Amino acid sequence: MEKAVDLLKSLVNIPSSSGNEEEILIFLEKWFIEKQFDFVIRKETFVAGQIKAKGKKEQKKKPLS
């Protein structure tokens, strides 16, 4: 929870008036990369990151039948 609060504090401290959010996009892109997201894409108006779920071998589900 502390990490989420720290991220939100960092985002709130970045000046970002409407139509001028580039600093936040750059910050998030770097944050996603630093946190080793599997996939990061940044375009002019947005940035997105994705983490692929990885299950443990011993937690594989067995067939119901």
N, C-alpha and C. Protein backbone atom coordinates (compact mmCIF):
# COMPACT_ATOMS: atom_id res chain seq x y z
N MET A 1 0.83 -1.19 0.00
CA MET A 1 0.00 0.00 0.00
C MET A 1 0.87 1.25 0.00
N GLU A 2 1.98 1.18 0.70
CA GLU A 2 2.89 2.33 0.80
C GLU A 2 3.43 2.73 -0.57
N LYS A 3 3.73 1.73 -1.41
CA LYS A 3 4.24 2.01 -2.75
C LYS A 3 3.21 2.75 -3.59
N ALA A 4 1.95 2.35 -3.46
CA ALA A 4 0.87 3.02 -4.21
C ALA A 4 0.73 4.46 -3.77
N VAL A 5 0.81 4.70 -2.46
CA VAL A 5 0.70 6.05 -1.93
C VAL A 5 1.87 6.90 -2.43
N ASP A 6 3.06 6.34 -2.43
CA ASP A 6 4.24 7.07 -2.92
C ASP A 6 4.08 7.43 -4.40
N LEU A 7 3.58 6.49 -5.20
CA LEU A 7 3.36 6.75 -6.62
C LEU A 7 2.35 7.88 -6.79
N LEU A 8 1.24 7.81 -6.06
CA LEU A 8 0.22 8.85 -6.17
C LEU A 8 0.75 10.22 -5.75
N LYS A 9 1.55 10.26 -4.69
CA LYS A 9 2.15 11.53 -4.25
C LYS A 9 3.04 12.10 -5.35
N SER A 10 3.82 11.25 -5.98
CA SER A 10 4.69 11.71 -7.07
C SER A 10 3.87 12.26 -8.23
N LEU A 11 2.79 11.58 -8.59
CA LEU A 11 1.95 12.02 -9.70
C LEU A 11 1.28 13.36 -9.38
N VAL A 12 0.78 13.50 -8.16
CA VAL A 12 0.10 14.74 -7.77
C VAL A 12 1.05 15.93 -7.79
N ASN A 13 2.32 15.69 -7.52
CA ASN A 13 3.30 16.78 -7.47
C ASN A 13 3.78 17.23 -8.85
N ILE A 14 3.40 16.53 -9.90
CA ILE A 14 3.81 16.91 -11.25
C ILE A 14 2.78 17.88 -11.82
N PRO A 15 3.20 19.09 -12.21
CA PRO A 15 2.25 20.03 -12.80
C PRO A 15 1.66 19.43 -14.08
N SER A 16 0.32 19.48 -14.20
CA SER A 16 -0.31 18.85 -15.36
C SER A 16 -1.65 19.50 -15.68
N SER A 17 -1.61 20.73 -16.08
CA SER A 17 -2.86 21.38 -16.47
C SER A 17 -3.43 20.67 -17.70
N SER A 18 -4.71 20.79 -17.89
CA SER A 18 -5.38 20.12 -19.00
C SER A 18 -4.71 20.44 -20.33
N GLY A 19 -4.40 19.39 -21.07
CA GLY A 19 -3.71 19.56 -22.35
C GLY A 19 -2.20 19.64 -22.22
N ASN A 20 -1.69 19.58 -21.00
CA ASN A 20 -0.25 19.68 -20.76
C ASN A 20 0.19 18.57 -19.81
N GLU A 21 -0.09 17.32 -20.19
CA GLU A 21 0.20 16.18 -19.32
C GLU A 21 1.45 15.41 -19.70
N GLU A 22 2.27 15.95 -20.58
CA GLU A 22 3.42 15.20 -21.08
C GLU A 22 4.38 14.78 -19.97
N GLU A 23 4.58 15.63 -18.98
CA GLU A 23 5.49 15.27 -17.88
C GLU A 23 5.01 14.02 -17.15
N ILE A 24 3.71 13.92 -16.95
CA ILE A 24 3.15 12.74 -16.28
C ILE A 24 3.33 11.51 -17.17
N LEU A 25 3.11 11.65 -18.46
CA LEU A 25 3.29 10.52 -19.37
C LEU A 25 4.73 10.01 -19.34
N ILE A 26 5.68 10.93 -19.34
CA ILE A 26 7.10 10.56 -19.29
C ILE A 26 7.42 9.87 -17.96
N PHE A 27 6.90 10.43 -16.86
CA PHE A 27 7.13 9.84 -15.54
C PHE A 27 6.59 8.41 -15.49
N LEU A 28 5.35 8.22 -15.96
CA LEU A 28 4.74 6.88 -15.92
C LEU A 28 5.48 5.89 -16.81
N GLU A 29 5.90 6.34 -17.98
CA GLU A 29 6.65 5.46 -18.88
C GLU A 29 7.93 4.97 -18.19
N LYS A 30 8.66 5.88 -17.57
CA LYS A 30 9.89 5.50 -16.86
C LYS A 30 9.57 4.58 -15.68
N TRP A 31 8.47 4.86 -14.96
CA TRP A 31 8.09 4.06 -13.81
C TRP A 31 7.75 2.64 -14.24
N PHE A 32 6.96 2.50 -15.33
CA PHE A 32 6.62 1.17 -15.84
C PHE A 32 7.88 0.39 -16.20
N ILE A 33 8.81 1.03 -16.88
CA ILE A 33 10.06 0.38 -17.29
C ILE A 33 10.89 -0.01 -16.08
N GLU A 34 11.00 0.92 -15.12
CA GLU A 34 11.77 0.66 -13.89
C GLU A 34 11.19 -0.53 -13.11
N LYS A 35 9.87 -0.64 -13.11
CA LYS A 35 9.21 -1.73 -12.38
C LYS A 35 9.15 -3.01 -13.21
N GLN A 36 9.78 -3.00 -14.37
CA GLN A 36 9.92 -4.16 -15.24
C GLN A 36 8.59 -4.72 -15.73
N PHE A 37 7.69 -3.81 -16.15
CA PHE A 37 6.46 -4.26 -16.79
C PHE A 37 6.86 -5.00 -18.06
N ASP A 38 6.09 -6.03 -18.41
CA ASP A 38 6.41 -6.83 -19.59
C ASP A 38 6.21 -6.07 -20.89
N PHE A 39 5.32 -5.09 -20.86
CA PHE A 39 4.97 -4.37 -22.08
C PHE A 39 4.67 -2.92 -21.72
N VAL A 40 5.32 -1.98 -22.39
CA VAL A 40 5.08 -0.56 -22.15
C VAL A 40 4.92 0.12 -23.51
N ILE A 41 3.85 0.88 -23.65
CA ILE A 41 3.64 1.64 -24.88
C ILE A 41 3.33 3.08 -24.52
N ARG A 42 3.93 3.99 -25.25
CA ARG A 42 3.66 5.40 -25.02
C ARG A 42 3.38 6.05 -26.36
N LYS A 43 2.26 6.71 -26.42
CA LYS A 43 1.90 7.49 -27.59
C LYS A 43 1.79 8.94 -27.15
N GLU A 44 1.44 9.80 -28.06
CA GLU A 44 1.39 11.22 -27.77
C GLU A 44 0.45 11.58 -26.61
N THR A 45 -0.66 10.88 -26.51
CA THR A 45 -1.66 11.26 -25.50
C THR A 45 -1.88 10.25 -24.39
N PHE A 46 -1.15 9.14 -24.40
CA PHE A 46 -1.32 8.18 -23.31
C PHE A 46 -0.10 7.28 -23.16
N VAL A 47 -0.04 6.62 -21.99
CA VAL A 47 0.99 5.62 -21.74
C VAL A 47 0.32 4.45 -21.02
N ALA A 48 0.73 3.25 -21.34
CA ALA A 48 0.14 2.07 -20.72
C ALA A 48 1.22 1.03 -20.46
N GLY A 49 1.03 0.29 -19.40
CA GLY A 49 1.94 -0.80 -19.08
C GLY A 49 1.15 -2.06 -18.77
N GLN A 50 1.76 -3.20 -19.02
CA GLN A 50 1.08 -4.48 -18.78
C GLN A 50 2.06 -5.42 -18.11
N ILE A 51 1.54 -6.15 -17.13
CA ILE A 51 2.31 -7.22 -16.49
C ILE A 51 1.60 -8.52 -16.81
N LYS A 52 2.32 -9.47 -17.35
CA LYS A 52 1.73 -10.77 -17.64
C LYS A 52 1.71 -11.60 -16.37
N ALA A 53 0.59 -12.25 -16.12
CA ALA A 53 0.46 -13.08 -14.92
C ALA A 53 1.30 -14.34 -15.09
N LYS A 54 1.95 -14.74 -14.01
CA LYS A 54 2.77 -15.95 -14.03
C LYS A 54 2.35 -16.81 -12.85
N GLY A 55 1.91 -18.02 -13.14
CA GLY A 55 1.49 -18.93 -12.08
C GLY A 55 2.62 -19.86 -11.69
N LYS A 56 2.57 -20.32 -10.48
CA LYS A 56 3.56 -21.29 -10.01
C LYS A 56 3.18 -22.67 -10.52
N LYS A 57 4.16 -23.47 -10.86
CA LYS A 57 3.90 -24.81 -11.40
C LYS A 57 3.05 -25.64 -10.45
N GLU A 58 3.32 -25.54 -9.16
CA GLU A 58 2.58 -26.35 -8.20
C GLU A 58 1.15 -25.86 -8.00
N GLN A 59 0.79 -24.70 -8.57
CA GLN A 59 -0.55 -24.17 -8.42
C GLN A 59 -1.40 -24.39 -9.67
N LYS A 60 -0.92 -25.20 -10.59
CA LYS A 60 -1.70 -25.46 -11.80
C LYS A 60 -3.00 -26.15 -11.42
N LYS A 61 -4.09 -25.73 -12.08
CA LYS A 61 -5.39 -26.31 -11.79
C LYS A 61 -5.50 -27.69 -12.44
N LYS A 62 -6.15 -28.59 -11.71
CA LYS A 62 -6.38 -29.94 -12.22
C LYS A 62 -7.77 -29.99 -12.82
N PRO A 63 -7.97 -30.82 -13.82
CA PRO A 63 -9.31 -30.95 -14.42
C PRO A 63 -10.32 -31.37 -13.36
N LEU A 64 -11.57 -30.90 -13.48
CA LEU A 64 -12.61 -31.24 -12.53
C LEU A 64 -13.09 -32.67 -12.67
N SER A 65 -13.00 -33.25 -13.87
CA SER A 65 -13.52 -34.61 -14.06
C SER A 65 -12.45 -35.67 -13.89
